[in-house]
PDB file of N, CA and C in Angstrom:
ATOM      1  N   MET A   1       8.021  51.886   6.934  1.00  0.00           N
ATOM      2  CA  MET A   1       8.789  50.828   6.318  1.00  0.00           C
ATOM      3  C   MET A   1       8.031  50.329   5.097  1.00  0.00           C
ATOM      4  N   ALA A   2       8.696  50.221   3.990  1.00  0.00           N
ATOM      5  CA  ALA A   2       8.049  49.806   2.740  1.00  0.00           C
ATOM      6  C   ALA A   2       7.897  48.296   2.710  1.00  0.00           C
ATOM      7  N   ARG A   3       6.742  47.850   2.188  1.00  0.00           N
ATOM      8  CA  ARG A   3       6.510  46.402   2.024  1.00  0.00           C
ATOM      9  C   ARG A   3       7.036  45.934   0.683  1.00  0.00           C
ATOM     10  N   ARG A   4       7.568  44.772   0.680  1.00  0.00           N
ATOM     11  CA  ARG A   4       8.009  44.184  -0.578  1.00  0.00           C
ATOM     12  C   ARG A   4       6.835  43.425  -1.177  1.00  0.00           C
ATOM     13  N   GLY A   5       6.633  43.556  -2.434  1.00  0.00           N
ATOM     14  CA  GLY A   5       5.519  42.891  -3.102  1.00  0.00           C
ATOM     15  C   GLY A   5       5.762  41.406  -3.287  1.00  0.00           C
ATOM     16  N   GLY A   6       4.674  40.643  -3.382  1.00  0.00           N
ATOM     17  CA  GLY A   6       4.761  39.225  -3.705  1.00  0.00           C
ATOM     18  C   GLY A   6       4.886  38.303  -2.531  1.00  0.00           C
ATOM     19  N   GLY A   7       5.189  38.802  -1.369  1.00  0.00           N
ATOM     20  CA  GLY A   7       5.363  37.930  -0.219  1.00  0.00           C
ATOM     21  C   GLY A   7       4.224  38.062   0.765  1.00  0.00           C
ATOM     22  N   PHE A   8       4.226  37.199   1.747  1.00  0.00           N
ATOM     23  CA  PHE A   8       3.236  37.246   2.808  1.00  0.00           C
ATOM     24  C   PHE A   8       3.948  37.440   4.125  1.00  0.00           C
ATOM     25  N   PRO A   9       3.327  38.159   5.052  1.00  0.00           N
ATOM     26  CA  PRO A   9       3.956  38.311   6.367  1.00  0.00           C
ATOM     27  C   PRO A   9       4.169  36.942   7.011  1.00  0.00           C
ATOM     28  N   GLY A  10       5.229  36.782   7.717  1.00  0.00           N
ATOM     29  CA  GLY A  10       5.478  35.525   8.414  1.00  0.00           C
ATOM     30  C   GLY A  10       6.335  34.565   7.612  1.00  0.00           C
ATOM     31  N   GLY A  11       6.821  35.007   6.476  1.00  0.00           N
ATOM     32  CA  GLY A  11       7.742  34.180   5.712  1.00  0.00           C
ATOM     33  C   GLY A  11       7.088  33.138   4.823  1.00  0.00           C
ATOM     34  N   MET A  12       5.833  33.296   4.467  1.00  0.00           N
ATOM     35  CA  MET A  12       5.186  32.338   3.565  1.00  0.00           C
ATOM     36  C   MET A  12       5.760  32.503   2.165  1.00  0.00           C
ATOM     37  N   PRO A  13       5.702  31.487   1.337  1.00  0.00           N
ATOM     38  CA  PRO A  13       6.271  31.559  -0.011  1.00  0.00           C
ATOM     39  C   PRO A  13       5.639  32.675  -0.830  1.00  0.00           C
ATOM     40  N   ALA A  14       6.461  33.317  -1.646  1.00  0.00           N
ATOM     41  CA  ALA A  14       5.985  34.419  -2.470  1.00  0.00           C
ATOM     42  C   ALA A  14       5.049  33.926  -3.567  1.00  0.00           C
ATOM     43  N   ASN A  15       5.238  32.715  -4.024  1.00  0.00           N
ATOM     44  CA  ASN A  15       4.432  32.218  -5.129  1.00  0.00           C
ATOM     45  C   ASN A  15       3.552  31.065  -4.666  1.00  0.00           C
ATOM     46  N   MET A  16       2.426  31.411  -4.063  1.00  0.00           N
ATOM     47  CA  MET A  16       1.491  30.391  -3.574  1.00  0.00           C
ATOM     48  C   MET A  16       0.935  29.553  -4.720  1.00  0.00           C
ATOM     49  N   ASN A  17       0.866  30.138  -5.908  1.00  0.00           N
ATOM     50  CA  ASN A  17       0.347  29.410  -7.059  1.00  0.00           C
ATOM     51  C   ASN A  17       1.226  28.191  -7.363  1.00  0.00           C
ATOM     52  N   ASN A  18       2.542  28.368  -7.319  1.00  0.00           N
ATOM     53  CA  ASN A  18       3.451  27.236  -7.540  1.00  0.00           C
ATOM     54  C   ASN A  18       3.280  26.172  -6.473  1.00  0.00           C
ATOM     55  N   LEU A  19       3.130  26.604  -5.246  1.00  0.00           N
ATOM     56  CA  LEU A  19       2.943  25.669  -4.141  1.00  0.00           C
ATOM     57  C   LEU A  19       1.664  24.865  -4.338  1.00  0.00           C
ATOM     58  N   MET A  20       0.602  25.539  -4.746  1.00  0.00           N
ATOM     59  CA  MET A  20      -0.673  24.847  -4.983  1.00  0.00           C
ATOM     60  C   MET A  20      -0.551  23.855  -6.138  1.00  0.00           C
ATOM     61  N   LYS A  21       0.154  24.242  -7.198  1.00  0.00           N
ATOM     62  CA  LYS A  21       0.357  23.342  -8.336  1.00  0.00           C
ATOM     63  C   LYS A  21       1.131  22.099  -7.908  1.00  0.00           C
ATOM     64  N   GLN A  22       2.146  22.292  -7.080  1.00  0.00           N
ATOM     65  CA  GLN A  22       2.929  21.155  -6.590  1.00  0.00           C
ATOM     66  C   GLN A  22       2.072  20.236  -5.726  1.00  0.00           C
ATOM     67  N   ALA A  23       1.235  20.825  -4.878  1.00  0.00           N
ATOM     68  CA  ALA A  23       0.357  20.024  -4.026  1.00  0.00           C
ATOM     69  C   ALA A  23      -0.642  19.246  -4.869  1.00  0.00           C
ATOM     70  N   GLN A  24      -1.187  19.878  -5.902  1.00  0.00           N
ATOM     71  CA  GLN A  24      -2.131  19.196  -6.778  1.00  0.00           C
ATOM     72  C   GLN A  24      -1.454  18.060  -7.544  1.00  0.00           C
ATOM     73  N   LYS A  25      -0.227  18.294  -7.993  1.00  0.00           N
ATOM     74  CA  LYS A  25       0.527  17.254  -8.705  1.00  0.00           C
ATOM     75  C   LYS A  25       0.778  16.057  -7.783  1.00  0.00           C
ATOM     76  N   MET A  26       1.178  16.340  -6.548  1.00  0.00           N
ATOM     77  CA  MET A  26       1.426  15.266  -5.577  1.00  0.00           C
ATOM     78  C   MET A  26       0.132  14.505  -5.282  1.00  0.00           C
ATOM     79  N   GLN A  27      -0.976  15.218  -5.138  1.00  0.00           N
ATOM     80  CA  GLN A  27      -2.263  14.564  -4.883  1.00  0.00           C
ATOM     81  C   GLN A  27      -2.630  13.653  -6.045  1.00  0.00           C
ATOM     82  N   LYS A  28      -2.431  14.106  -7.283  1.00  0.00           N
ATOM     83  CA  LYS A  28      -2.731  13.289  -8.468  1.00  0.00           C
ATOM     84  C   LYS A  28      -1.842  12.045  -8.492  1.00  0.00           C
ATOM     85  N   GLN A  29      -0.560  12.212  -8.179  1.00  0.00           N
ATOM     86  CA  GLN A  29       0.356  11.070  -8.153  1.00  0.00           C
ATOM     87  C   GLN A  29      -0.074  10.056  -7.091  1.00  0.00           C
ATOM     88  N   MET A  30      -0.509  10.552  -5.939  1.00  0.00           N
ATOM     89  CA  MET A  30      -0.952   9.649  -4.874  1.00  0.00           C
ATOM     90  C   MET A  30      -2.228   8.915  -5.287  1.00  0.00           C
ATOM     91  N   GLU A  31      -3.145   9.603  -5.942  1.00  0.00           N
ATOM     92  CA  GLU A  31      -4.375   8.967  -6.418  1.00  0.00           C
ATOM     93  C   GLU A  31      -4.051   7.893  -7.451  1.00  0.00           C
ATOM     94  N   ASP A  32      -3.154   8.211  -8.391  1.00  0.00           N
ATOM     95  CA  ASP A  32      -2.761   7.236  -9.416  1.00  0.00           C
ATOM     96  C   ASP A  32      -2.083   6.024  -8.787  1.00  0.00           C
ATOM     97  N   THR A  33      -1.198   6.262  -7.825  1.00  0.00           N
ATOM     98  CA  THR A  33      -0.501   5.158  -7.160  1.00  0.00           C
ATOM     99  C   THR A  33      -1.470   4.310  -6.358  1.00  0.00           C
ATOM    100  N   THR A  34      -2.421   4.940  -5.677  1.00  0.00           N
ATOM    101  CA  THR A  34      -3.427   4.197  -4.922  1.00  0.00           C
ATOM    102  C   THR A  34      -4.238   3.310  -5.848  1.00  0.00           C
ATOM    103  N   LYS A  35      -4.650   3.845  -6.986  1.00  0.00           N
ATOM    104  CA  LYS A  35      -5.424   3.049  -7.953  1.00  0.00           C
ATOM    105  C   LYS A  35      -4.587   1.870  -8.467  1.00  0.00           C
ATOM    106  N   GLU A  36      -3.323   2.146  -8.777  1.00  0.00           N
ATOM    107  CA  GLU A  36      -2.421   1.090  -9.254  1.00  0.00           C
ATOM    108  C   GLU A  36      -2.278  -0.016  -8.203  1.00  0.00           C
ATOM    109  N   LEU A  37      -2.110   0.373  -6.946  1.00  0.00           N
ATOM    110  CA  LEU A  37      -1.953  -0.609  -5.872  1.00  0.00           C
ATOM    111  C   LEU A  37      -3.228  -1.423  -5.682  1.00  0.00           C
ATOM    112  N   GLN A  38      -4.389  -0.787  -5.802  1.00  0.00           N
ATOM    113  CA  GLN A  38      -5.653  -1.487  -5.612  1.00  0.00           C
ATOM    114  C   GLN A  38      -5.894  -2.522  -6.703  1.00  0.00           C
ATOM    115  N   GLU A  39      -5.380  -2.272  -7.896  1.00  0.00           N
ATOM    116  CA  GLU A  39      -5.576  -3.189  -9.013  1.00  0.00           C
ATOM    117  C   GLU A  39      -4.567  -4.331  -9.024  1.00  0.00           C
ATOM    118  N   LYS A  40      -3.524  -4.204  -8.235  1.00  0.00           N
ATOM    119  CA  LYS A  40      -2.458  -5.195  -8.199  1.00  0.00           C
ATOM    120  C   LYS A  40      -2.856  -6.403  -7.351  1.00  0.00           C
ATOM    121  N   GLU A  41      -2.271  -7.564  -7.644  1.00  0.00           N
ATOM    122  CA  GLU A  41      -2.504  -8.770  -6.850  1.00  0.00           C
ATOM    123  C   GLU A  41      -1.184  -9.237  -6.247  1.00  0.00           C
ATOM    124  N   TYR A  42      -1.290  -9.794  -5.055  1.00  0.00           N
ATOM    125  CA  TYR A  42      -0.125 -10.273  -4.312  1.00  0.00           C
ATOM    126  C   TYR A  42      -0.346 -11.733  -3.963  1.00  0.00           C
ATOM    127  N   GLU A  43       0.661 -12.537  -4.189  1.00  0.00           N
ATOM    128  CA  GLU A  43       0.568 -13.979  -3.978  1.00  0.00           C
ATOM    129  C   GLU A  43       1.583 -14.414  -2.931  1.00  0.00           C
ATOM    130  N   ALA A  44       1.164 -15.353  -2.093  1.00  0.00           N
ATOM    131  CA  ALA A  44       2.082 -15.937  -1.121  1.00  0.00           C
ATOM    132  C   ALA A  44       1.734 -17.409  -0.954  1.00  0.00           C
ATOM    133  N   THR A  45       2.729 -18.178  -0.530  1.00  0.00           N
ATOM    134  CA  THR A  45       2.518 -19.607  -0.318  1.00  0.00           C
ATOM    135  C   THR A  45       2.921 -19.989   1.101  1.00  0.00           C
ATOM    136  N   ALA A  46       2.478 -21.148   1.516  1.00  0.00           N
ATOM    137  CA  ALA A  46       2.850 -21.701   2.823  1.00  0.00           C
ATOM    138  C   ALA A  46       2.989 -23.209   2.668  1.00  0.00           C
ATOM    139  N   GLY A  47       3.688 -23.804   3.612  1.00  0.00           N
ATOM    140  CA  GLY A  47       3.858 -25.258   3.596  1.00  0.00           C
ATOM    141  C   GLY A  47       4.651 -25.747   2.406  1.00  0.00           C
ATOM    142  N   GLY A  48       5.638 -24.959   2.002  1.00  0.00           N
ATOM    143  CA  GLY A  48       6.453 -25.376   0.864  1.00  0.00           C
ATOM    144  C   GLY A  48       5.712 -25.263  -0.458  1.00  0.00           C
ATOM    145  N   GLY A  49       4.698 -24.437  -0.505  1.00  0.00           N
ATOM    146  CA  GLY A  49       3.971 -24.211  -1.749  1.00  0.00           C
ATOM    147  C   GLY A  49       2.678 -24.997  -1.879  1.00  0.00           C
ATOM    148  N   VAL A  50       2.302 -25.774  -0.864  1.00  0.00           N
ATOM    149  CA  VAL A  50       1.075 -26.572  -0.967  1.00  0.00           C
ATOM    150  C   VAL A  50      -0.183 -25.733  -0.788  1.00  0.00           C
ATOM    151  N   VAL A  51      -0.024 -24.547  -0.206  1.00  0.00           N
ATOM    152  CA  VAL A  51      -1.134 -23.602  -0.071  1.00  0.00           C
ATOM    153  C   VAL A  51      -0.697 -22.294  -0.708  1.00  0.00           C
ATOM    154  N   LYS A  52      -1.532 -21.768  -1.611  1.00  0.00           N
ATOM    155  CA  LYS A  52      -1.240 -20.499  -2.276  1.00  0.00           C
ATOM    156  C   LYS A  52      -2.455 -19.589  -2.110  1.00  0.00           C
ATOM    157  N   VAL A  53      -2.195 -18.348  -1.699  1.00  0.00           N
ATOM    158  CA  VAL A  53      -3.258 -17.364  -1.525  1.00  0.00           C
ATOM    159  C   VAL A  53      -2.906 -16.126  -2.349  1.00  0.00           C
ATOM    160  N   VAL A  54      -3.911 -15.581  -3.025  1.00  0.00           N
ATOM    161  CA  VAL A  54      -3.760 -14.348  -3.785  1.00  0.00           C
ATOM    162  C   VAL A  54      -4.714 -13.322  -3.184  1.00  0.00           C
ATOM    163  N   VAL A  55      -4.165 -12.135  -2.869  1.00  0.00           N
ATOM    164  CA  VAL A  55      -4.983 -11.043  -2.339  1.00  0.00           C
ATOM    165  C   VAL A  55      -4.839  -9.837  -3.264  1.00  0.00           C
ATOM    166  N   SER A  56      -5.829  -8.956  -3.217  1.00  0.00           N
ATOM    167  CA  SER A  56      -5.785  -7.735  -4.014  1.00  0.00           C
ATOM    168  C   SER A  56      -5.219  -6.606  -3.167  1.00  0.00           C
ATOM    169  N   GLY A  57      -4.926  -5.502  -3.832  1.00  0.00           N
ATOM    170  CA  GLY A  57      -4.485  -4.303  -3.135  1.00  0.00           C
ATOM    171  C   GLY A  57      -5.586  -3.694  -2.283  1.00  0.00           C
ATOM    172  N   ASN A  58      -6.802  -4.188  -2.444  1.00  0.00           N
ATOM    173  CA  ASN A  58      -7.936  -3.768  -1.610  1.00  0.00           C
ATOM    174  C   ASN A  58      -8.098  -4.660  -0.394  1.00  0.00           C
ATOM    175  N   LYS A  59      -7.122  -5.511  -0.149  1.00  0.00           N
ATOM    176  CA  LYS A  59      -7.126  -6.438   0.993  1.00  0.00           C
ATOM    177  C   LYS A  59      -8.249  -7.464   0.907  1.00  0.00           C
ATOM    178  N   GLU A  60      -8.565  -7.881  -0.306  1.00  0.00           N
ATOM    179  CA  GLU A  60      -9.564  -8.930  -0.507  1.00  0.00           C
ATOM    180  C   GLU A  60      -8.857 -10.205  -0.947  1.00  0.00           C
ATOM    181  N   VAL A  61      -9.278 -11.331  -0.385  1.00  0.00           N
ATOM    182  CA  VAL A  61      -8.731 -12.611  -0.822  1.00  0.00           C
ATOM    183  C   VAL A  61      -9.360 -12.931  -2.169  1.00  0.00           C
ATOM    184  N   LYS A  62      -8.506 -13.085  -3.189  1.00  0.00           N
ATOM    185  CA  LYS A  62      -8.984 -13.355  -4.542  1.00  0.00           C
ATOM    186  C   LYS A  62      -9.082 -14.851  -4.811  1.00  0.00           C
ATOM    187  N   SER A  63      -8.107 -15.612  -4.277  1.00  0.00           N
ATOM    188  CA  SER A  63      -8.156 -17.051  -4.499  1.00  0.00           C
ATOM    189  C   SER A  63      -7.310 -17.782  -3.461  1.00  0.00           C
ATOM    190  N   VAL A  64      -7.690 -19.031  -3.238  1.00  0.00           N
ATOM    191  CA  VAL A  64      -6.943 -19.945  -2.378  1.00  0.00           C
ATOM    192  C   VAL A  64      -6.783 -21.235  -3.172  1.00  0.00           C
ATOM    193  N   SER A  65      -5.544 -21.673  -3.332  1.00  0.00           N
ATOM    194  CA  SER A  65      -5.267 -22.921  -4.043  1.00  0.00           C
ATOM    195  C   SER A  65      -4.610 -23.904  -3.090  1.00  0.00           C
ATOM    196  N   LEU A  66      -5.088 -25.123  -3.115  1.00  0.00           N
ATOM    197  CA  LEU A  66      -4.556 -26.174  -2.235  1.00  0.00           C
ATOM    198  C   LEU A  66      -4.048 -27.333  -3.073  1.00  0.00           C
ATOM    199  N   ALA A  67      -2.858 -27.804  -2.746  1.00  0.00           N
ATOM    200  CA  ALA A  67      -2.358 -29.023  -3.377  1.00  0.00           C
ATOM    201  C   ALA A  67      -3.115 -30.198  -2.766  1.00  0.00           C
ATOM    202  N   GLU A  68      -3.381 -31.183  -3.564  1.00  0.00           N
ATOM    203  CA  GLU A  68      -4.186 -32.324  -3.119  1.00  0.00           C
ATOM    204  C   GLU A  68      -3.611 -32.996  -1.879  1.00  0.00           C
ATOM    205  N   GLU A  69      -2.283 -33.085  -1.809  1.00  0.00           N
ATOM    206  CA  GLU A  69      -1.656 -33.796  -0.687  1.00  0.00           C
ATOM    207  C   GLU A  69      -1.813 -33.086   0.656  1.00  0.00           C
ATOM    208  N   VAL A  70      -2.176 -31.791   0.657  1.00  0.00           N
ATOM    209  CA  VAL A  70      -2.321 -31.075   1.917  1.00  0.00           C
ATOM    210  C   VAL A  70      -3.711 -31.269   2.522  1.00  0.00           C
ATOM    211  N   VAL A  71      -4.624 -31.799   1.756  1.00  0.00           N
ATOM    212  CA  VAL A  71      -5.997 -31.989   2.242  1.00  0.00           C
ATOM    213  C   VAL A  71      -6.061 -33.331   2.977  1.00  0.00           C
ATOM    214  N   ASP A  72      -5.965 -33.256   4.285  1.00  0.00           N
ATOM    215  CA  ASP A  72      -6.015 -34.443   5.149  1.00  0.00           C
ATOM    216  C   ASP A  72      -7.187 -34.268   6.112  1.00  0.00           C
ATOM    217  N   PRO A  73      -8.247 -35.043   5.934  1.00  0.00           N
ATOM    218  CA  PRO A  73      -9.422 -34.889   6.794  1.00  0.00           C
ATOM    219  C   PRO A  73      -9.109 -35.082   8.283  1.00  0.00           C
ATOM    220  N   ASP A  74      -8.013 -35.767   8.588  1.00  0.00           N
ATOM    221  CA  ASP A  74      -7.640 -35.990   9.981  1.00  0.00           C
ATOM    222  C   ASP A  74      -6.810 -34.842  10.555  1.00  0.00           C
ATOM    223  N   ASP A  75      -6.444 -33.869   9.711  1.00  0.00           N
ATOM    224  CA  ASP A  75      -5.630 -32.750  10.193  1.00  0.00           C
ATOM    225  C   ASP A  75      -6.097 -31.432   9.574  1.00  0.00           C
ATOM    226  N   ILE A  76      -7.328 -31.115   9.802  1.00  0.00           N
ATOM    227  CA  ILE A  76      -7.921 -29.873   9.292  1.00  0.00           C
ATOM    228  C   ILE A  76      -7.206 -28.657   9.887  1.00  0.00           C
ATOM    229  N   GLU A  77      -6.795 -28.758  11.143  1.00  0.00           N
ATOM    230  CA  GLU A  77      -6.152 -27.623  11.818  1.00  0.00           C
ATOM    231  C   GLU A  77      -4.877 -27.188  11.103  1.00  0.00           C
ATOM    232  N   MET A  78      -4.072 -28.139  10.638  1.00  0.00           N
ATOM    233  CA  MET A  78      -2.851 -27.791   9.927  1.00  0.00           C
ATOM    234  C   MET A  78      -3.184 -27.036   8.642  1.00  0.00           C
ATOM    235  N   LEU A  79      -4.182 -27.477   7.910  1.00  0.00           N
ATOM    236  CA  LEU A  79      -4.587 -26.814   6.675  1.00  0.00           C
ATOM    237  C   LEU A  79      -5.065 -25.386   6.965  1.00  0.00           C
ATOM    238  N   GLU A  80      -5.850 -25.234   8.013  1.00  0.00           N
ATOM    239  CA  GLU A  80      -6.320 -23.901   8.401  1.00  0.00           C
ATOM    240  C   GLU A  80      -5.146 -22.986   8.728  1.00  0.00           C
ATOM    241  N   ASP A  81      -4.166 -23.503   9.459  1.00  0.00           N
ATOM    242  CA  ASP A  81      -2.988 -22.712   9.820  1.00  0.00           C
ATOM    243  C   ASP A  81      -2.192 -22.295   8.581  1.00  0.00           C
ATOM    244  N   LEU A  82      -2.071 -23.203   7.617  1.00  0.00           N
ATOM    245  CA  LEU A  82      -1.347 -22.888   6.389  1.00  0.00           C
ATOM    246  C   LEU A  82      -2.065 -21.799   5.581  1.00  0.00           C
ATOM    247  N   ILE A  83      -3.380 -21.868   5.541  1.00  0.00           N
ATOM    248  CA  ILE A  83      -4.157 -20.850   4.822  1.00  0.00           C
ATOM    249  C   ILE A  83      -3.991 -19.489   5.498  1.00  0.00           C
ATOM    250  N   VAL A  84      -4.062 -19.461   6.808  1.00  0.00           N
ATOM    251  CA  VAL A  84      -3.880 -18.207   7.549  1.00  0.00           C
ATOM    252  C   VAL A  84      -2.474 -17.662   7.303  1.00  0.00           C
ATOM    253  N   ALA A  85      -1.468 -18.514   7.361  1.00  0.00           N
ATOM    254  CA  ALA A  85      -0.083 -18.079   7.170  1.00  0.00           C
ATOM    255  C   ALA A  85       0.127 -17.495   5.773  1.00  0.00           C
ATOM    256  N   ALA A  86      -0.386 -18.161   4.749  1.00  0.00           N
ATOM    257  CA  ALA A  86      -0.230 -17.673   3.381  1.00  0.00           C
ATOM    258  C   ALA A  86      -0.990 -16.360   3.183  1.00  0.00           C
ATOM    259  N   THR A  87      -2.173 -16.266   3.751  1.00  0.00           N
ATOM    260  CA  THR A  87      -2.968 -15.043   3.631  1.00  0.00           C
ATOM    261  C   THR A  87      -2.256 -13.873   4.299  1.00  0.00           C
ATOM    262  N   ASN A  88      -1.767 -14.079   5.508  1.00  0.00           N
ATOM    263  CA  ASN A  88      -1.062 -13.017   6.217  1.00  0.00           C
ATOM    264  C   ASN A  88       0.196 -12.582   5.475  1.00  0.00           C
ATOM    265  N   GLU A  89       0.911 -13.524   4.889  1.00  0.00           N
ATOM    266  CA  GLU A  89       2.126 -13.181   4.144  1.00  0.00           C
ATOM    267  C   GLU A  89       1.785 -12.373   2.892  1.00  0.00           C
ATOM    268  N   ALA A  90       0.719 -12.732   2.194  1.00  0.00           N
ATOM    269  CA  ALA A  90       0.296 -11.964   1.016  1.00  0.00           C
ATOM    270  C   ALA A  90      -0.108 -10.545   1.413  1.00  0.00           C
ATOM    271  N   LEU A  91      -0.813 -10.411   2.528  1.00  0.00           N
ATOM    272  CA  LEU A  91      -1.213  -9.088   3.007  1.00  0.00           C
ATOM    273  C   LEU A  91       0.001  -8.256   3.424  1.00  0.00           C
ATOM    274  N   ARG A  92       1.003  -8.895   4.046  1.00  0.00           N
ATOM    275  CA  ARG A  92       2.230  -8.187   4.416  1.00  0.00           C
ATOM    276  C   ARG A  92       2.952  -7.680   3.157  1.00  0.00           C
ATOM    277  N   ALA A  93       2.985  -8.506   2.116  1.00  0.00           N
ATOM    278  CA  ALA A  93       3.633  -8.101   0.864  1.00  0.00           C
ATOM    279  C   ALA A  93       2.909  -6.907   0.250  1.00  0.00           C
ATOM    280  N   MET A  94       1.589  -6.933   0.299  1.00  0.00           N
ATOM    281  CA  MET A  94       0.795  -5.828  -0.233  1.00  0.00           C
ATOM    282  C   MET A  94       1.064  -4.554   0.555  1.00  0.00           C
ATOM    283  N   GLU A  95       1.090  -4.635   1.868  1.00  0.00           N
ATOM    284  CA  GLU A  95       1.341  -3.462   2.721  1.00  0.00           C
ATOM    285  C   GLU A  95       2.755  -2.909   2.493  1.00  0.00           C
ATOM    286  N   ALA A  96       3.740  -3.780   2.371  1.00  0.00           N
ATOM    287  CA  ALA A  96       5.117  -3.338   2.145  1.00  0.00           C
ATOM    288  C   ALA A  96       5.239  -2.616   0.811  1.00  0.00           C
ATOM    289  N   ASP A  97       4.579  -3.135  -0.212  1.00  0.00           N
ATOM    290  CA  ASP A  97       4.592  -2.507  -1.530  1.00  0.00           C
ATOM    291  C   ASP A  97       3.934  -1.130  -1.461  1.00  0.00           C
ATOM    292  N   ALA A  98       2.808  -1.043  -0.780  1.00  0.00           N
ATOM    293  CA  ALA A  98       2.090   0.228  -0.651  1.00  0.00           C
ATOM    294  C   ALA A  98       2.942   1.249   0.103  1.00  0.00           C
ATOM    295  N   GLN A  99       3.570   0.844   1.192  1.00  0.00           N
ATOM    296  CA  GLN A  99       4.401   1.763   1.971  1.00  0.00           C
ATOM    297  C   GLN A  99       5.591   2.255   1.151  1.00  0.00           C
ATOM    298  N   GLU A 100       6.186   1.355   0.385  1.00  0.00           N
ATOM    299  CA  GLU A 100       7.339   1.738  -0.439  1.00  0.00           C
ATOM    300  C   GLU A 100       6.933   2.759  -1.499  1.00  0.00           C
ATOM    301  N   LYS A 101       5.846   2.476  -2.210  1.00  0.00           N
ATOM    302  CA  LYS A 101       5.422   3.368  -3.288  1.00  0.00           C
ATOM    303  C   LYS A 101       4.936   4.717  -2.742  1.00  0.00           C
ATOM    304  N   MET A 102       4.176   4.707  -1.690  1.00  0.00           N
ATOM    305  CA  MET A 102       3.682   5.962  -1.119  1.00  0.00           C
ATOM    306  C   MET A 102       4.818   6.736  -0.450  1.00  0.00           C
ATOM    307  N   GLY A 103       5.768   6.011   0.142  1.00  0.00           N
ATOM    308  CA  GLY A 103       6.911   6.663   0.770  1.00  0.00           C
ATOM    309  C   GLY A 103       7.734   7.456  -0.233  1.00  0.00           C
ATOM    310  N   LYS A 104       7.828   6.948  -1.462  1.00  0.00           N
ATOM    311  CA  LYS A 104       8.553   7.672  -2.506  1.00  0.00           C
ATOM    312  C   LYS A 104       7.849   8.984  -2.839  1.00  0.00           C
ATOM    313  N   LEU A 105       6.525   8.967  -2.808  1.00  0.00           N
ATOM    314  CA  LEU A 105       5.761  10.175  -3.136  1.00  0.00           C
ATOM    315  C   LEU A 105       5.787  11.196  -2.012  1.00  0.00           C
ATOM    316  N   THR A 106       5.721  10.717  -0.783  1.00  0.00           N
ATOM    317  CA  THR A 106       5.620  11.634   0.354  1.00  0.00           C
ATOM    318  C   THR A 106       6.983  12.014   0.914  1.00  0.00           C
ATOM    319  N   GLY A 107       8.029  11.458   0.361  1.00  0.00           N
ATOM    320  CA  GLY A 107       9.368  11.795   0.836  1.00  0.00           C
ATOM    321  C   GLY A 107       9.635  11.312   2.241  1.00  0.00           C
ATOM    322  N   GLY A 108       9.007  10.183   2.617  1.00  0.00           N
ATOM    323  CA  GLY A 108       9.230   9.615   3.934  1.00  0.00           C
ATOM    324  C   GLY A 108       8.400  10.245   5.031  1.00  0.00           C
ATOM    325  N   LEU A 109       7.355  10.963   4.662  1.00  0.00           N
ATOM    326  CA  LEU A 109       6.489  11.547   5.683  1.00  0.00           C
ATOM    327  C   LEU A 109       5.644  10.496   6.386  1.00  0.00           C
ATOM    328  N   GLY A 110       5.676   9.274   5.893  1.00  0.00           N
ATOM    329  CA  GLY A 110       4.883   8.217   6.511  1.00  0.00           C
ATOM    330  C   GLY A 110       3.428   8.257   6.083  1.00  0.00           C
ATOM    331  N   GLY A 111       3.145   8.985   5.015  1.00  0.00           N
ATOM    332  CA  GLY A 111       1.788   9.016   4.485  1.00  0.00           C
ATOM    333  C   GLY A 111       0.843   9.922   5.259  1.00  0.00           C
ATOM    334  N   GLY A 112       1.335  10.627   6.243  1.00  0.00           N
ATOM    335  CA  GLY A 112       0.446  11.479   7.018  1.00  0.00           C
ATOM    336  C   GLY A 112       1.122  12.779   7.385  1.00  0.00           C
ATOM    337  N   PHE A 113       0.339  13.644   7.917  1.00  0.00           N
ATOM    338  CA  PHE A 113       0.835  14.922   8.360  1.00  0.00           C
ATOM    339  C   PHE A 113       0.549  15.071   9.838  1.00  0.00           C
ATOM    340  N   PRO A 114       1.336  15.876  10.541  1.00  0.00           N
ATOM    341  CA  PRO A 114       1.193  15.972  11.996  1.00  0.00           C
ATOM    342  C   PRO A 114       0.004  16.822  12.460  1.00  0.00           C
ATOM    343  N   PHE A 115      -1.003  16.999  11.621  1.00  0.00           N
ATOM    344  CA  PHE A 115      -2.169  17.771  12.054  1.00  0.00           C
ATOM    345  C   PHE A 115      -3.436  17.065  11.714  1.00  0.00           C
TER     346      PHE A 115
END
């Protein structure tokens, strides 16, 4: 039986070079998107805007801003809760943005492979 040129046994693509180029392009796009996300900042507020937290795409808290009226020495616990709530919301926004952007690149693979 004669072999056909250009292919691999088992049904692998005939042009592995194209496949490799596509994989390299996707890897570059993912690296660029990751860098873009890391440089981005996400802001969230709590308590009707009296607490504002800004986080980076690297999951670092960049700043915390407090309105003067929220600083009550007799209710430190409420202020702590507002800071936690704003921080968590900013981190959720960052994660949602990252999942959306990476999902577009991976075609919904969830950013991972089954191996």
